[in-house]
């Protein structure tokens, strides 16, 4: 098995969307940290999805 399982990637996508959504909506009360964390989490998720989609080496 290579990388993060697909079900976990789905959970990361949902978590990223929630962090970005709530971080943007509550940016005046909570500050910019939830939005920044959501964006960082989304970048991590996109990198993980890209690594999962990349074909495996046959070595």
PDB file of N, CA and C in Angstrom:
ATOM      1  N   UNK A   1       0.847  -1.171   0.000  1.00  0.00           N
ATOM      2  CA  UNK A   1       0.000   0.000   0.000  1.00  0.00           C
ATOM      3  C   UNK A   1       0.893   1.234   0.000  1.00  0.00           C
ATOM      4  N   UNK A   2       0.508   2.198  -0.791  1.00  0.00           N
ATOM      5  CA  UNK A   2       1.337   3.366  -0.999  1.00  0.00           C
ATOM      6  C   UNK A   2       0.586   4.630  -0.604  1.00  0.00           C
ATOM      7  N   UNK A   3       1.128   5.395   0.320  1.00  0.00           N
ATOM      8  CA  UNK A   3       0.523   6.667   0.661  1.00  0.00           C
ATOM      9  C   UNK A   3      -0.673   6.536   1.588  1.00  0.00           C
ATOM     10  N   UNK A   4      -1.456   7.584   1.616  1.00  0.00           N
ATOM     11  CA  UNK A   4      -2.633   7.670   2.475  1.00  0.00           C
ATOM     12  C   UNK A   4      -3.811   6.978   1.784  1.00  0.00           C
ATOM     13  N   UNK A   5      -4.613   6.206   2.534  1.00  0.00           N
ATOM     14  CA  UNK A   5      -5.776   5.539   1.920  1.00  0.00           C
ATOM     15  C   UNK A   5      -6.780   6.553   1.353  1.00  0.00           C
ATOM     16  N   UNK A   6      -7.558   6.102   0.392  1.00  0.00           N
ATOM     17  CA  UNK A   6      -8.508   6.975  -0.295  1.00  0.00           C
ATOM     18  C   UNK A   6      -9.563   7.519   0.665  1.00  0.00           C
ATOM     19  N   UNK A   7     -10.040   6.701   1.594  1.00  0.00           N
ATOM     20  CA  UNK A   7     -11.062   7.177   2.531  1.00  0.00           C
ATOM     21  C   UNK A   7     -10.516   8.289   3.417  1.00  0.00           C
ATOM     22  N   UNK A   8      -9.226   8.218   3.751  1.00  0.00           N
ATOM     23  CA  UNK A   8      -8.615   9.253   4.563  1.00  0.00           C
ATOM     24  C   UNK A   8      -8.421  10.539   3.754  1.00  0.00           C
ATOM     25  N   UNK A   9      -8.111  10.399   2.475  1.00  0.00           N
ATOM     26  CA  UNK A   9      -8.017  11.581   1.611  1.00  0.00           C
ATOM     27  C   UNK A   9      -9.362  12.280   1.505  1.00  0.00           C
ATOM     28  N   UNK A  10     -10.439  11.518   1.436  1.00  0.00           N
ATOM     29  CA  UNK A  10     -11.777  12.113   1.425  1.00  0.00           C
ATOM     30  C   UNK A  10     -12.046  12.896   2.706  1.00  0.00           C
ATOM     31  N   UNK A  11     -11.638  12.349   3.834  1.00  0.00           N
ATOM     32  CA  UNK A  11     -11.789  13.050   5.106  1.00  0.00           C
ATOM     33  C   UNK A  11     -10.959  14.326   5.153  1.00  0.00           C
ATOM     34  N   UNK A  12      -9.777  14.275   4.576  1.00  0.00           N
ATOM     35  CA  UNK A  12      -8.929  15.468   4.530  1.00  0.00           C
ATOM     36  C   UNK A  12      -9.543  16.559   3.652  1.00  0.00           C
ATOM     37  N   UNK A  13     -10.183  16.153   2.560  1.00  0.00           N
ATOM     38  CA  UNK A  13     -10.853  17.130   1.693  1.00  0.00           C
ATOM     39  C   UNK A  13     -11.987  17.812   2.453  1.00  0.00           C
ATOM     40  N   UNK A  14     -12.770  17.024   3.191  1.00  0.00           N
ATOM     41  CA  UNK A  14     -13.870  17.594   3.970  1.00  0.00           C
ATOM     42  C   UNK A  14     -13.331  18.512   5.063  1.00  0.00           C
ATOM     43  N   UNK A  15     -12.289  18.088   5.753  1.00  0.00           N
ATOM     44  CA  UNK A  15     -11.701  18.905   6.803  1.00  0.00           C
ATOM     45  C   UNK A  15     -11.145  20.214   6.240  1.00  0.00           C
ATOM     46  N   UNK A  16     -10.502  20.148   5.093  1.00  0.00           N
ATOM     47  CA  UNK A  16      -9.979  21.357   4.449  1.00  0.00           C
ATOM     48  C   UNK A  16     -11.103  22.322   4.105  1.00  0.00           C
ATOM     49  N   UNK A  17     -12.171  21.793   3.539  1.00  0.00           N
ATOM     50  CA  UNK A  17     -13.299  22.648   3.167  1.00  0.00           C
ATOM     51  C   UNK A  17     -13.932  23.295   4.402  1.00  0.00           C
ATOM     52  N   UNK A  18     -14.074  22.528   5.474  1.00  0.00           N
ATOM     53  CA  UNK A  18     -14.650  23.085   6.696  1.00  0.00           C
ATOM     54  C   UNK A  18     -13.752  24.158   7.306  1.00  0.00           C
ATOM     55  N   UNK A  19     -12.458  23.902   7.361  1.00  0.00           N
ATOM     56  CA  UNK A  19     -11.533  24.886   7.912  1.00  0.00           C
ATOM     57  C   UNK A  19     -11.521  26.170   7.096  1.00  0.00           C
ATOM     58  N   UNK A  20     -11.519  26.037   5.794  1.00  0.00           N
ATOM     59  CA  UNK A  20     -11.520  27.231   4.938  1.00  0.00           C
ATOM     60  C   UNK A  20     -12.852  27.961   5.057  1.00  0.00           C
ATOM     61  N   UNK A  21     -13.955  27.238   5.032  1.00  0.00           N
ATOM     62  CA  UNK A  21     -15.278  27.861   5.122  1.00  0.00           C
ATOM     63  C   UNK A  21     -15.490  28.583   6.442  1.00  0.00           C
ATOM     64  N   UNK A  22     -15.245  27.874   7.551  1.00  0.00           N
ATOM     65  CA  UNK A  22     -15.433  28.504   8.854  1.00  0.00           C
ATOM     66  C   UNK A  22     -14.372  29.567   9.116  1.00  0.00           C
ATOM     67  N   UNK A  23     -13.158  29.332   8.634  1.00  0.00           N
ATOM     68  CA  UNK A  23     -12.106  30.327   8.817  1.00  0.00           C
ATOM     69  C   UNK A  23     -12.418  31.623   8.098  1.00  0.00           C
ATOM     70  N   UNK A  24     -12.999  31.529   6.920  1.00  0.00           N
ATOM     71  CA  UNK A  24     -13.374  32.748   6.190  1.00  0.00           C
ATOM     72  C   UNK A  24     -14.585  33.415   6.835  1.00  0.00           C
ATOM     73  N   UNK A  25     -15.555  32.613   7.235  1.00  0.00           N
ATOM     74  CA  UNK A  25     -16.787  33.164   7.815  1.00  0.00           C
ATOM     75  C   UNK A  25     -16.517  33.841   9.160  1.00  0.00           C
ATOM     76  N   UNK A  26     -15.673  33.247   9.991  1.00  0.00           N
ATOM     77  CA  UNK A  26     -15.402  33.772  11.335  1.00  0.00           C
ATOM     78  C   UNK A  26     -14.061  34.487  11.428  1.00  0.00           C
ATOM     79  N   UNK A  27     -13.568  35.019  10.342  1.00  0.00           N
ATOM     80  CA  UNK A  27     -12.240  35.631  10.339  1.00  0.00           C
ATOM     81  C   UNK A  27     -12.146  36.851  11.241  1.00  0.00           C
ATOM     82  N   UNK A  28     -13.260  37.539  11.490  1.00  0.00           N
ATOM     83  CA  UNK A  28     -13.227  38.723  12.345  1.00  0.00           C
ATOM     84  C   UNK A  28     -13.230  38.342  13.831  1.00  0.00           C
ATOM     85  N   UNK A  29     -13.845  37.217  14.176  1.00  0.00           N
ATOM     86  CA  UNK A  29     -13.892  36.783  15.569  1.00  0.00           C
ATOM     87  C   UNK A  29     -12.685  35.925  15.945  1.00  0.00           C
ATOM     88  N   UNK A  30     -12.319  35.009  15.078  1.00  0.00           N
ATOM     89  CA  UNK A  30     -11.266  34.043  15.395  1.00  0.00           C
ATOM     90  C   UNK A  30      -9.898  34.454  14.872  1.00  0.00           C
ATOM     91  N   UNK A  31      -9.842  35.440  14.013  1.00  0.00           N
ATOM     92  CA  UNK A  31      -8.577  35.820  13.410  1.00  0.00           C
ATOM     93  C   UNK A  31      -8.294  34.992  12.167  1.00  0.00           C
ATOM     94  N   UNK A  32      -7.125  35.177  11.587  1.00  0.00           N
ATOM     95  CA  UNK A  32      -6.818  34.499  10.321  1.00  0.00           C
ATOM     96  C   UNK A  32      -6.291  33.072  10.464  1.00  0.00           C
ATOM     97  N   UNK A  33      -6.029  32.615  11.684  1.00  0.00           N
ATOM     98  CA  UNK A  33      -5.394  31.306  11.861  1.00  0.00           C
ATOM     99  C   UNK A  33      -6.195  30.134  11.286  1.00  0.00           C
ATOM    100  N   UNK A  34      -7.512  30.007  11.533  1.00  0.00           N
ATOM    101  CA  UNK A  34      -8.244  28.877  10.931  1.00  0.00           C
ATOM    102  C   UNK A  34      -8.214  28.889   9.405  1.00  0.00           C
ATOM    103  N   UNK A  35      -8.277  30.062   8.809  1.00  0.00           N
ATOM    104  CA  UNK A  35      -8.213  30.151   7.344  1.00  0.00           C
ATOM    105  C   UNK A  35      -6.842  29.730   6.843  1.00  0.00           C
ATOM    106  N   UNK A  36      -5.800  30.173   7.515  1.00  0.00           N
ATOM    107  CA  UNK A  36      -4.429  29.805   7.123  1.00  0.00           C
ATOM    108  C   UNK A  36      -4.217  28.299   7.286  1.00  0.00           C
ATOM    109  N   UNK A  37      -4.704  27.742   8.392  1.00  0.00           N
ATOM    110  CA  UNK A  37      -4.591  26.293   8.589  1.00  0.00           C
ATOM    111  C   UNK A  37      -5.374  25.518   7.539  1.00  0.00           C
ATOM    112  N   UNK A  38      -6.541  26.022   7.165  1.00  0.00           N
ATOM    113  CA  UNK A  38      -7.334  25.366   6.122  1.00  0.00           C
ATOM    114  C   UNK A  38      -6.630  25.363   4.784  1.00  0.00           C
ATOM    115  N   UNK A  39      -5.988  26.468   4.450  1.00  0.00           N
ATOM    116  CA  UNK A  39      -5.260  26.545   3.184  1.00  0.00           C
ATOM    117  C   UNK A  39      -4.054  25.606   3.212  1.00  0.00           C
ATOM    118  N   UNK A  40      -3.321  25.584   4.333  1.00  0.00           N
ATOM    119  CA  UNK A  40      -2.175  24.671   4.449  1.00  0.00           C
ATOM    120  C   UNK A  40      -2.633  23.219   4.373  1.00  0.00           C
ATOM    121  N   UNK A  41      -3.745  22.912   5.024  1.00  0.00           N
ATOM    122  CA  UNK A  41      -4.294  21.550   4.999  1.00  0.00           C
ATOM    123  C   UNK A  41      -4.723  21.173   3.587  1.00  0.00           C
ATOM    124  N   UNK A  42      -5.320  22.128   2.867  1.00  0.00           N
ATOM    125  CA  UNK A  42      -5.744  21.867   1.487  1.00  0.00           C
ATOM    126  C   UNK A  42      -4.537  21.606   0.595  1.00  0.00           C
ATOM    127  N   UNK A  43      -3.453  22.343   0.787  1.00  0.00           N
ATOM    128  CA  UNK A  43      -2.244  22.108  -0.005  1.00  0.00           C
ATOM    129  C   UNK A  43      -1.660  20.725   0.284  1.00  0.00           C
ATOM    130  N   UNK A  44      -1.643  20.329   1.551  1.00  0.00           N
ATOM    131  CA  UNK A  44      -1.194  18.990   1.908  1.00  0.00           C
ATOM    132  C   UNK A  44      -2.073  17.927   1.255  1.00  0.00           C
ATOM    133  N   UNK A  45      -3.370  18.157   1.282  1.00  0.00           N
ATOM    134  CA  UNK A  45      -4.315  17.203   0.687  1.00  0.00           C
ATOM    135  C   UNK A  45      -4.103  17.099  -0.822  1.00  0.00           C
ATOM    136  N   UNK A  46      -3.934  18.232  -1.489  1.00  0.00           N
ATOM    137  CA  UNK A  46      -3.694  18.207  -2.935  1.00  0.00           C
ATOM    138  C   UNK A  46      -2.394  17.484  -3.271  1.00  0.00           C
ATOM    139  N   UNK A  47      -1.354  17.687  -2.464  1.00  0.00           N
ATOM    140  CA  UNK A  47      -0.092  16.977  -2.692  1.00  0.00           C
ATOM    141  C   UNK A  47      -0.269  15.477  -2.486  1.00  0.00           C
ATOM    142  N   UNK A  48      -1.047  15.089  -1.496  1.00  0.00           N
ATOM    143  CA  UNK A  48      -1.299  13.666  -1.245  1.00  0.00           C
ATOM    144  C   UNK A  48      -2.106  13.029  -2.371  1.00  0.00           C
ATOM    145  N   UNK A  49      -3.095  13.754  -2.873  1.00  0.00           N
ATOM    146  CA  UNK A  49      -3.887  13.235  -3.993  1.00  0.00           C
ATOM    147  C   UNK A  49      -3.014  13.108  -5.235  1.00  0.00           C
ATOM    148  N   UNK A  50      -2.142  14.087  -5.460  1.00  0.00           N
ATOM    149  CA  UNK A  50      -1.224  14.023  -6.607  1.00  0.00           C
ATOM    150  C   UNK A  50      -0.271  12.841  -6.504  1.00  0.00           C
ATOM    151  N   UNK A  51       0.227  12.563  -5.305  1.00  0.00           N
ATOM    152  CA  UNK A  51       1.121  11.419  -5.121  1.00  0.00           C
ATOM    153  C   UNK A  51       0.371  10.106  -5.310  1.00  0.00           C
ATOM    154  N   UNK A  52      -0.905  10.075  -4.921  1.00  0.00           N
ATOM    155  CA  UNK A  52      -1.709   8.857  -5.080  1.00  0.00           C
ATOM    156  C   UNK A  52      -2.017   8.600  -6.557  1.00  0.00           C
ATOM    157  N   UNK A  53      -2.210   9.674  -7.329  1.00  0.00           N
ATOM    158  CA  UNK A  53      -2.559   9.534  -8.742  1.00  0.00           C
ATOM    159  C   UNK A  53      -1.343   9.213  -9.600  1.00  0.00           C
ATOM    160  N   UNK A  54      -0.151   9.492  -9.101  1.00  0.00           N
ATOM    161  CA  UNK A  54       1.067   9.226  -9.867  1.00  0.00           C
ATOM    162  C   UNK A  54       1.269   7.720 -10.012  1.00  0.00           C
ATOM    163  N   UNK A  55       1.609   7.266 -11.211  1.00  0.00           N
ATOM    164  CA  UNK A  55       1.805   5.821 -11.401  1.00  0.00           C
ATOM    165  C   UNK A  55       3.013   5.314 -10.587  1.00  0.00           C
ATOM    166  N   UNK A  56       2.887   4.121 -10.066  1.00  0.00           N
ATOM    167  CA  UNK A  56       3.958   3.520  -9.264  1.00  0.00           C
ATOM    168  C   UNK A  56       5.078   3.018 -10.168  1.00  0.00           C
ATOM    169  N   UNK A  57       6.301   3.102  -9.656  1.00  0.00           N
ATOM    170  CA  UNK A  57       7.449   2.555 -10.393  1.00  0.00           C
ATOM    171  C   UNK A  57       7.417   1.037 -10.315  1.00  0.00           C
ATOM    172  N   UNK A  58       7.862   0.391 -11.361  1.00  0.00           N
ATOM    173  CA  UNK A  58       7.845  -1.085 -11.382  1.00  0.00           C
ATOM    174  C   UNK A  58       9.191  -1.657 -11.008  1.00  0.00           C
ATOM    175  N   UNK A  59      10.025  -0.941 -10.285  1.00  0.00           N
ATOM    176  CA  UNK A  59      11.356  -1.422  -9.891  1.00  0.00           C
ATOM    177  C   UNK A  59      11.251  -2.382  -8.757  1.00  0.00           C
TER     178      UNK A  59
END
